[in-house]
């Protein structure tokens, strides 16, 4: 959910906190890995493939 879509201020604060924690975790993983993580569609495919070795397209066939 986007921060702007949260119906209450408490929800917006929670979304901001989650976004901040996610960015920090991503930076930590990238530092440990030594390279940037894939973004966008590439990341979706990478995550999909890592779960069972098949791409999202292969799973739909």
N, C-alpha and C. Protein backbone atom coordinates (compact mmCIF):
# COMPACT_ATOMS: atom_id res chain seq x y z
N UNK A 1 0.85 -1.17 0.00
CA UNK A 1 0.00 0.00 0.00
C UNK A 1 0.90 1.23 0.00
N UNK A 2 0.56 2.19 -0.80
CA UNK A 2 1.30 3.44 -0.82
C UNK A 2 0.97 4.24 0.43
N UNK A 3 1.91 5.01 0.87
CA UNK A 3 1.72 5.81 2.09
C UNK A 3 0.51 6.72 1.95
N UNK A 4 0.34 7.32 0.77
CA UNK A 4 -0.77 8.25 0.56
C UNK A 4 -2.13 7.57 0.63
N UNK A 5 -2.17 6.27 0.39
CA UNK A 5 -3.45 5.55 0.39
C UNK A 5 -3.92 5.14 1.77
N UNK A 6 -3.07 5.25 2.77
CA UNK A 6 -3.47 4.86 4.12
C UNK A 6 -4.58 5.80 4.61
N UNK A 7 -5.66 5.26 5.15
CA UNK A 7 -6.80 6.09 5.54
C UNK A 7 -6.59 6.93 6.80
N UNK A 8 -5.67 6.54 7.68
CA UNK A 8 -5.46 7.28 8.92
C UNK A 8 -4.00 7.70 9.04
N UNK A 9 -3.75 8.65 9.90
CA UNK A 9 -2.37 9.11 10.14
C UNK A 9 -1.54 7.99 10.76
N UNK A 10 -2.16 7.20 11.63
CA UNK A 10 -1.45 6.06 12.22
C UNK A 10 -1.04 5.06 11.13
N UNK A 11 -1.91 4.85 10.17
CA UNK A 11 -1.60 3.97 9.05
C UNK A 11 -0.47 4.52 8.20
N UNK A 12 -0.48 5.84 7.98
CA UNK A 12 0.58 6.48 7.20
C UNK A 12 1.91 6.37 7.92
N UNK A 13 1.91 6.54 9.24
CA UNK A 13 3.15 6.38 10.01
C UNK A 13 3.67 4.96 9.92
N UNK A 14 2.76 4.00 9.99
CA UNK A 14 3.16 2.60 9.87
C UNK A 14 3.76 2.29 8.50
N UNK A 15 3.15 2.84 7.47
CA UNK A 15 3.65 2.63 6.10
C UNK A 15 5.03 3.27 5.93
N UNK A 16 5.21 4.45 6.51
CA UNK A 16 6.53 5.11 6.44
C UNK A 16 7.59 4.27 7.15
N UNK A 17 7.24 3.75 8.31
CA UNK A 17 8.18 2.92 9.07
C UNK A 17 8.54 1.65 8.32
N UNK A 18 7.56 1.02 7.70
CA UNK A 18 7.81 -0.19 6.92
C UNK A 18 8.69 0.12 5.72
N UNK A 19 8.42 1.23 5.05
CA UNK A 19 9.21 1.64 3.89
C UNK A 19 10.66 1.90 4.30
N UNK A 20 10.84 2.58 5.41
CA UNK A 20 12.19 2.89 5.90
C UNK A 20 12.94 1.61 6.28
N UNK A 21 12.27 0.70 6.96
CA UNK A 21 12.91 -0.56 7.37
C UNK A 21 13.27 -1.41 6.15
N UNK A 22 12.41 -1.40 5.15
CA UNK A 22 12.67 -2.17 3.93
C UNK A 22 13.87 -1.62 3.19
N UNK A 23 13.97 -0.30 3.10
CA UNK A 23 15.12 0.32 2.43
C UNK A 23 16.42 0.00 3.17
N UNK A 24 16.38 0.03 4.50
CA UNK A 24 17.57 -0.27 5.28
C UNK A 24 17.99 -1.73 5.09
N UNK A 25 17.03 -2.63 5.09
CA UNK A 25 17.33 -4.05 4.88
C UNK A 25 17.91 -4.29 3.49
N UNK A 26 17.35 -3.61 2.49
CA UNK A 26 17.85 -3.76 1.13
C UNK A 26 19.30 -3.28 1.02
N UNK A 27 19.60 -2.14 1.64
CA UNK A 27 20.99 -1.63 1.62
C UNK A 27 21.93 -2.61 2.31
N UNK A 28 21.50 -3.21 3.41
CA UNK A 28 22.32 -4.18 4.14
C UNK A 28 22.61 -5.40 3.27
N UNK A 29 21.58 -5.92 2.62
CA UNK A 29 21.75 -7.10 1.77
C UNK A 29 22.66 -6.77 0.58
N UNK A 30 22.46 -5.60 -0.02
CA UNK A 30 23.31 -5.21 -1.14
C UNK A 30 24.77 -5.07 -0.71
N UNK A 31 25.01 -4.56 0.49
CA UNK A 31 26.38 -4.43 0.98
C UNK A 31 27.00 -5.81 1.21
N UNK A 32 26.25 -6.74 1.78
CA UNK A 32 26.75 -8.09 2.01
C UNK A 32 27.00 -8.82 0.70
N UNK A 33 26.10 -8.62 -0.25
CA UNK A 33 26.19 -9.30 -1.54
C UNK A 33 27.30 -8.69 -2.41
N UNK A 34 27.55 -7.41 -2.24
CA UNK A 34 28.57 -6.74 -3.03
C UNK A 34 28.07 -6.19 -4.35
N UNK A 35 26.76 -6.28 -4.59
CA UNK A 35 26.17 -5.70 -5.80
C UNK A 35 24.72 -5.35 -5.51
N UNK A 36 24.15 -4.54 -6.40
CA UNK A 36 22.76 -4.13 -6.22
C UNK A 36 21.81 -5.29 -6.47
N UNK A 37 20.68 -5.26 -5.79
CA UNK A 37 19.62 -6.22 -6.04
C UNK A 37 18.88 -5.82 -7.31
N UNK A 38 18.29 -6.78 -7.97
CA UNK A 38 17.50 -6.49 -9.17
C UNK A 38 16.29 -5.65 -8.77
N UNK A 39 15.83 -4.80 -9.67
CA UNK A 39 14.68 -3.94 -9.41
C UNK A 39 13.58 -4.22 -10.42
N UNK A 40 12.35 -3.89 -10.06
CA UNK A 40 11.21 -3.99 -10.97
C UNK A 40 10.91 -5.41 -11.41
N UNK A 41 10.69 -5.56 -12.71
CA UNK A 41 10.32 -6.87 -13.28
C UNK A 41 11.44 -7.89 -13.09
N UNK A 42 12.69 -7.43 -13.17
CA UNK A 42 13.81 -8.35 -12.97
C UNK A 42 13.79 -8.93 -11.56
N UNK A 43 13.45 -8.09 -10.59
CA UNK A 43 13.40 -8.57 -9.20
C UNK A 43 12.25 -9.56 -9.02
N UNK A 44 11.12 -9.27 -9.64
CA UNK A 44 9.99 -10.18 -9.55
C UNK A 44 10.38 -11.55 -10.08
N UNK A 45 11.04 -11.57 -11.23
CA UNK A 45 11.45 -12.84 -11.82
C UNK A 45 12.50 -13.54 -10.95
N UNK A 46 13.43 -12.76 -10.39
CA UNK A 46 14.47 -13.33 -9.53
C UNK A 46 13.84 -14.00 -8.30
N UNK A 47 12.89 -13.33 -7.67
CA UNK A 47 12.24 -13.87 -6.48
C UNK A 47 11.40 -15.09 -6.84
N UNK A 48 10.71 -15.01 -7.95
CA UNK A 48 9.89 -16.14 -8.38
C UNK A 48 10.76 -17.34 -8.67
N UNK A 49 11.86 -17.14 -9.35
CA UNK A 49 12.75 -18.23 -9.73
C UNK A 49 13.42 -18.82 -8.49
N UNK A 50 13.74 -17.99 -7.51
CA UNK A 50 14.46 -18.50 -6.35
C UNK A 50 13.62 -19.47 -5.52
N UNK A 51 12.31 -19.34 -5.59
CA UNK A 51 11.47 -20.21 -4.77
C UNK A 51 11.46 -21.65 -5.27
N UNK A 52 11.48 -21.85 -6.58
CA UNK A 52 11.41 -23.23 -7.07
C UNK A 52 12.19 -23.47 -8.35
N UNK A 53 12.97 -22.50 -8.76
CA UNK A 53 13.80 -22.67 -9.95
C UNK A 53 13.10 -22.40 -11.27
N UNK A 54 11.83 -22.02 -11.23
CA UNK A 54 11.09 -21.73 -12.45
C UNK A 54 10.72 -20.26 -12.50
N UNK A 55 10.68 -19.68 -13.69
CA UNK A 55 10.25 -18.29 -13.82
C UNK A 55 8.73 -18.22 -13.72
N UNK A 56 8.20 -17.02 -13.56
CA UNK A 56 6.76 -16.85 -13.45
C UNK A 56 6.07 -17.35 -14.72
N UNK A 57 6.64 -17.09 -15.89
CA UNK A 57 6.05 -17.56 -17.14
C UNK A 57 6.01 -19.08 -17.23
N UNK A 58 7.05 -19.73 -16.75
CA UNK A 58 7.09 -21.20 -16.77
C UNK A 58 6.03 -21.79 -15.85
N UNK A 59 5.76 -21.12 -14.75
CA UNK A 59 4.77 -21.62 -13.79
C UNK A 59 3.36 -21.57 -14.36
N UNK A 60 3.11 -20.60 -15.25
CA UNK A 60 1.75 -20.44 -15.79
C UNK A 60 1.45 -21.43 -16.91
N UNK A 61 2.44 -22.10 -17.41
CA UNK A 61 2.21 -23.05 -18.51
C UNK A 61 1.74 -24.38 -18.00
